[in-house]
């Protein structure tokens, strides 16, 4: 079974005001997109491979979330934006635990 909710650990797109936060967020968002694409390409791969990629995706999404929280004002993110990201990550964590046992 494909780890559907892991792919939903979506990237928050923001309009940052400062270069350091902007570049950090953009680099991390690209890592999340890369992991999402890899997971999408693994639909027929063994579950262990999907779980490994899913774990990477969740970790990258969590790192992006930390950047977004630390740069909330500069990235012009609302508390609701951050809450939605938290909810997506929590759902991905739960799906991962269900599918991969971790």
N, C-alpha and C. Protein backbone atom coordinates (compact mmCIF):
# COMPACT_ATOMS: atom_id res chain seq x y z
N UNK A 1 0.84 -1.17 0.00
CA UNK A 1 0.00 0.00 0.00
C UNK A 1 0.89 1.24 0.00
N UNK A 2 0.58 2.15 -0.88
CA UNK A 2 1.38 3.38 -0.99
C UNK A 2 1.12 4.29 0.20
N UNK A 3 2.14 4.96 0.60
CA UNK A 3 2.02 5.86 1.75
C UNK A 3 1.43 7.18 1.31
N UNK A 4 0.13 7.19 1.13
CA UNK A 4 -0.57 8.34 0.57
C UNK A 4 -0.43 9.59 1.41
N UNK A 5 -0.64 9.48 2.70
CA UNK A 5 -0.61 10.67 3.53
C UNK A 5 0.79 11.26 3.66
N UNK A 6 1.80 10.45 3.47
CA UNK A 6 3.15 11.00 3.53
C UNK A 6 3.36 12.03 2.45
N UNK A 7 2.83 11.77 1.28
CA UNK A 7 2.96 12.73 0.19
C UNK A 7 2.19 14.01 0.49
N UNK A 8 1.27 13.94 1.43
CA UNK A 8 0.49 15.12 1.79
C UNK A 8 1.23 16.02 2.78
N UNK A 9 2.42 15.63 3.17
CA UNK A 9 3.23 16.51 4.04
C UNK A 9 3.73 17.65 3.18
N UNK A 10 2.81 18.49 2.84
CA UNK A 10 3.03 19.48 1.79
C UNK A 10 3.90 20.64 2.22
N UNK A 11 4.40 21.30 1.25
CA UNK A 11 5.26 22.45 1.42
C UNK A 11 4.42 23.70 1.60
N UNK A 12 4.79 24.51 2.58
CA UNK A 12 4.16 25.81 2.73
C UNK A 12 4.87 26.79 1.81
N UNK A 13 4.13 27.40 0.94
CA UNK A 13 4.71 28.39 0.05
C UNK A 13 4.49 29.76 0.67
N UNK A 14 5.55 30.51 0.78
CA UNK A 14 5.47 31.80 1.46
C UNK A 14 6.09 32.89 0.60
N UNK A 15 5.85 34.13 0.98
CA UNK A 15 6.45 35.29 0.34
C UNK A 15 7.40 35.93 1.34
N UNK A 16 8.58 35.40 1.47
CA UNK A 16 9.48 35.87 2.51
C UNK A 16 9.96 37.29 2.28
N UNK A 17 10.32 37.94 3.37
CA UNK A 17 10.78 39.32 3.30
C UNK A 17 12.29 39.42 3.41
N UNK A 18 12.96 38.43 3.98
CA UNK A 18 14.40 38.49 4.16
C UNK A 18 15.07 37.30 3.49
N UNK A 19 16.25 37.54 2.93
CA UNK A 19 16.94 36.54 2.13
C UNK A 19 17.31 35.29 2.92
N UNK A 20 17.78 35.42 4.17
CA UNK A 20 18.21 34.24 4.90
C UNK A 20 17.06 33.27 5.13
N UNK A 21 15.95 33.75 5.60
CA UNK A 21 14.78 32.88 5.78
C UNK A 21 14.26 32.38 4.44
N UNK A 22 14.23 33.26 3.48
CA UNK A 22 13.74 32.87 2.17
C UNK A 22 14.59 31.75 1.58
N UNK A 23 15.89 31.93 1.59
CA UNK A 23 16.74 30.91 0.98
C UNK A 23 16.69 29.61 1.76
N UNK A 24 16.69 29.69 3.09
CA UNK A 24 16.58 28.47 3.90
C UNK A 24 15.28 27.73 3.62
N UNK A 25 14.19 28.47 3.59
CA UNK A 25 12.88 27.86 3.33
C UNK A 25 12.81 27.27 1.91
N UNK A 26 13.37 27.98 0.95
CA UNK A 26 13.34 27.48 -0.43
C UNK A 26 14.17 26.21 -0.59
N UNK A 27 15.35 26.20 0.01
CA UNK A 27 16.20 25.01 -0.07
C UNK A 27 15.51 23.82 0.60
N UNK A 28 14.93 24.06 1.78
CA UNK A 28 14.27 22.97 2.48
C UNK A 28 13.00 22.53 1.75
N UNK A 29 12.25 23.46 1.20
CA UNK A 29 11.05 23.10 0.43
C UNK A 29 11.41 22.24 -0.77
N UNK A 30 12.54 22.51 -1.39
CA UNK A 30 12.99 21.70 -2.52
C UNK A 30 13.33 20.28 -2.06
N UNK A 31 13.90 20.14 -0.88
CA UNK A 31 14.18 18.81 -0.34
C UNK A 31 12.89 18.04 -0.10
N UNK A 32 11.86 18.74 0.39
CA UNK A 32 10.56 18.10 0.61
C UNK A 32 9.96 17.68 -0.73
N UNK A 33 10.00 18.57 -1.72
CA UNK A 33 9.45 18.24 -3.04
C UNK A 33 10.18 17.05 -3.66
N UNK A 34 11.50 17.01 -3.51
CA UNK A 34 12.28 15.89 -4.05
C UNK A 34 11.87 14.58 -3.39
N UNK A 35 11.72 14.59 -2.07
CA UNK A 35 11.30 13.38 -1.36
C UNK A 35 9.88 12.98 -1.74
N UNK A 36 9.00 13.96 -1.93
CA UNK A 36 7.62 13.67 -2.35
C UNK A 36 7.62 13.01 -3.73
N UNK A 37 8.43 13.54 -4.64
CA UNK A 37 8.50 12.99 -5.99
C UNK A 37 9.06 11.57 -5.96
N UNK A 38 10.09 11.36 -5.18
CA UNK A 38 10.67 10.03 -5.06
C UNK A 38 9.64 9.04 -4.53
N UNK A 39 8.90 9.44 -3.51
CA UNK A 39 7.87 8.56 -2.96
C UNK A 39 6.79 8.27 -4.00
N UNK A 40 6.40 9.28 -4.76
CA UNK A 40 5.39 9.07 -5.81
C UNK A 40 5.88 8.08 -6.85
N UNK A 41 7.18 8.12 -7.13
CA UNK A 41 7.75 7.21 -8.12
C UNK A 41 7.92 5.79 -7.59
N UNK A 42 7.72 5.59 -6.31
CA UNK A 42 7.92 4.28 -5.70
C UNK A 42 6.61 3.53 -5.46
N UNK A 43 5.59 3.86 -6.20
CA UNK A 43 4.28 3.24 -5.99
C UNK A 43 4.35 1.71 -6.03
N UNK A 44 5.20 1.16 -6.86
CA UNK A 44 5.31 -0.29 -6.99
C UNK A 44 6.55 -0.86 -6.31
N UNK A 45 7.24 -0.02 -5.58
CA UNK A 45 8.46 -0.46 -4.88
C UNK A 45 8.09 -1.25 -3.63
N UNK A 46 9.03 -2.03 -3.12
CA UNK A 46 8.77 -2.74 -1.86
C UNK A 46 8.44 -1.75 -0.74
N UNK A 47 7.63 -2.21 0.18
CA UNK A 47 7.19 -1.34 1.27
C UNK A 47 8.37 -0.82 2.08
N UNK A 48 9.40 -1.61 2.26
CA UNK A 48 10.56 -1.14 3.03
C UNK A 48 11.19 0.08 2.37
N UNK A 49 11.24 0.09 1.06
CA UNK A 49 11.79 1.23 0.33
C UNK A 49 10.88 2.45 0.47
N UNK A 50 9.57 2.22 0.36
CA UNK A 50 8.62 3.32 0.54
C UNK A 50 8.71 3.88 1.96
N UNK A 51 8.87 3.01 2.93
CA UNK A 51 8.97 3.46 4.32
C UNK A 51 10.23 4.29 4.54
N UNK A 52 11.32 3.86 3.95
CA UNK A 52 12.57 4.61 4.09
C UNK A 52 12.42 6.01 3.49
N UNK A 53 11.83 6.10 2.31
CA UNK A 53 11.61 7.39 1.66
C UNK A 53 10.59 8.21 2.45
N UNK A 54 9.55 7.56 2.95
CA UNK A 54 8.54 8.25 3.75
C UNK A 54 9.14 8.85 5.00
N UNK A 55 10.05 8.13 5.63
CA UNK A 55 10.72 8.64 6.82
C UNK A 55 11.54 9.88 6.48
N UNK A 56 12.23 9.83 5.36
CA UNK A 56 13.01 10.99 4.90
C UNK A 56 12.09 12.18 4.62
N UNK A 57 10.98 11.91 3.96
CA UNK A 57 10.02 12.97 3.64
C UNK A 57 9.50 13.65 4.91
N UNK A 58 9.13 12.86 5.88
CA UNK A 58 8.62 13.43 7.14
C UNK A 58 9.70 14.25 7.83
N UNK A 59 10.91 13.74 7.86
CA UNK A 59 12.01 14.47 8.50
C UNK A 59 12.26 15.80 7.80
N UNK A 60 12.24 15.80 6.48
CA UNK A 60 12.46 17.04 5.72
C UNK A 60 11.31 18.02 5.94
N UNK A 61 10.08 17.50 6.00
CA UNK A 61 8.92 18.36 6.24
C UNK A 61 8.99 18.98 7.64
N UNK A 62 9.45 18.20 8.61
CA UNK A 62 9.61 18.73 9.97
C UNK A 62 10.68 19.82 10.00
N UNK A 63 11.77 19.62 9.27
CA UNK A 63 12.81 20.65 9.22
C UNK A 63 12.27 21.93 8.59
N UNK A 64 11.47 21.79 7.54
CA UNK A 64 10.86 22.95 6.90
C UNK A 64 9.93 23.65 7.89
N UNK A 65 9.20 22.88 8.66
CA UNK A 65 8.28 23.44 9.63
C UNK A 65 9.04 24.25 10.70
N UNK A 66 10.19 23.77 11.11
CA UNK A 66 11.02 24.50 12.08
C UNK A 66 11.48 25.82 11.48
N UNK A 67 11.93 25.78 10.25
CA UNK A 67 12.35 27.02 9.57
C UNK A 67 11.17 27.98 9.50
N UNK A 68 10.01 27.48 9.11
CA UNK A 68 8.83 28.33 9.00
C UNK A 68 8.46 28.95 10.35
N UNK A 69 8.57 28.17 11.41
CA UNK A 69 8.25 28.70 12.75
C UNK A 69 9.27 29.76 13.17
N UNK A 70 10.55 29.47 12.96
CA UNK A 70 11.60 30.42 13.33
C UNK A 70 11.55 31.70 12.51
N UNK A 71 11.00 31.61 11.32
CA UNK A 71 10.96 32.76 10.41
C UNK A 71 9.53 33.20 10.12
N UNK A 72 8.61 32.87 11.00
CA UNK A 72 7.18 33.12 10.75
C UNK A 72 6.90 34.54 10.29
N UNK A 73 7.37 35.52 11.01
CA UNK A 73 7.08 36.91 10.66
C UNK A 73 7.74 37.28 9.33
N UNK A 74 8.99 36.89 9.17
CA UNK A 74 9.70 37.23 7.94
C UNK A 74 9.15 36.51 6.72
N UNK A 75 8.59 35.34 6.94
CA UNK A 75 7.97 34.59 5.84
C UNK A 75 6.50 34.94 5.67
N UNK A 76 6.01 35.81 6.51
CA UNK A 76 4.62 36.26 6.48
C UNK A 76 3.63 35.09 6.57
N UNK A 77 3.92 34.19 7.50
CA UNK A 77 3.05 33.05 7.73
C UNK A 77 2.14 33.34 8.92
N UNK A 78 0.93 32.87 8.83
CA UNK A 78 -0.02 33.04 9.92
C UNK A 78 0.07 31.83 10.86
N UNK A 79 -0.50 32.00 12.04
CA UNK A 79 -0.58 30.88 12.97
C UNK A 79 -1.37 29.73 12.34
N UNK A 80 -2.36 30.07 11.55
CA UNK A 80 -3.16 29.05 10.86
C UNK A 80 -2.31 28.28 9.85
N UNK A 81 -1.43 28.96 9.13
CA UNK A 81 -0.52 28.28 8.19
C UNK A 81 0.32 27.24 8.92
N UNK A 82 0.86 27.65 10.06
CA UNK A 82 1.71 26.75 10.84
C UNK A 82 0.91 25.59 11.42
N UNK A 83 -0.32 25.88 11.85
CA UNK A 83 -1.18 24.83 12.40
C UNK A 83 -1.52 23.80 11.33
N UNK A 84 -1.82 24.26 10.12
CA UNK A 84 -2.11 23.32 9.02
C UNK A 84 -0.91 22.44 8.73
N UNK A 85 0.27 23.02 8.73
CA UNK A 85 1.49 22.24 8.50
C UNK A 85 1.67 21.21 9.61
N UNK A 86 1.45 21.62 10.85
CA UNK A 86 1.55 20.69 11.98
C UNK A 86 0.58 19.52 11.81
N UNK A 87 -0.64 19.82 11.38
CA UNK A 87 -1.65 18.78 11.19
C UNK A 87 -1.26 17.82 10.09
N UNK A 88 -0.71 18.34 8.99
CA UNK A 88 -0.27 17.46 7.89
C UNK A 88 0.87 16.56 8.33
N UNK A 89 1.79 17.13 9.09
CA UNK A 89 2.92 16.32 9.57
C UNK A 89 2.44 15.27 10.56
N UNK A 90 1.53 15.64 11.45
CA UNK A 90 0.99 14.68 12.40
C UNK A 90 0.27 13.54 11.67
N UNK A 91 -0.51 13.88 10.64
CA UNK A 91 -1.19 12.85 9.86
C UNK A 91 -0.18 11.94 9.15
N UNK A 92 0.88 12.53 8.63
CA UNK A 92 1.91 11.74 7.96
C UNK A 92 2.61 10.82 8.96
N UNK A 93 2.89 11.33 10.16
CA UNK A 93 3.49 10.50 11.21
C UNK A 93 2.60 9.31 11.55
N UNK A 94 1.30 9.56 11.67
CA UNK A 94 0.36 8.49 12.00
C UNK A 94 0.27 7.46 10.87
N UNK A 95 0.24 7.93 9.64
CA UNK A 95 0.19 7.03 8.48
C UNK A 95 1.47 6.20 8.42
N UNK A 96 2.59 6.84 8.66
CA UNK A 96 3.87 6.13 8.66
C UNK A 96 3.86 5.03 9.72
N UNK A 97 3.40 5.36 10.92
CA UNK A 97 3.35 4.38 12.00
C UNK A 97 2.45 3.20 11.62
N UNK A 98 1.33 3.50 10.98
CA UNK A 98 0.40 2.46 10.58
C UNK A 98 1.00 1.57 9.49
N UNK A 99 1.60 2.19 8.49
CA UNK A 99 2.11 1.45 7.34
C UNK A 99 3.48 0.80 7.58
N UNK A 100 4.29 1.47 8.39
CA UNK A 100 5.69 1.05 8.50
C UNK A 100 6.05 0.55 9.91
N UNK A 101 5.13 0.71 10.83
CA UNK A 101 5.36 0.24 12.18
C UNK A 101 6.34 1.08 12.97
N UNK A 102 6.51 2.33 12.57
CA UNK A 102 7.47 3.14 13.31
C UNK A 102 6.87 4.37 13.72
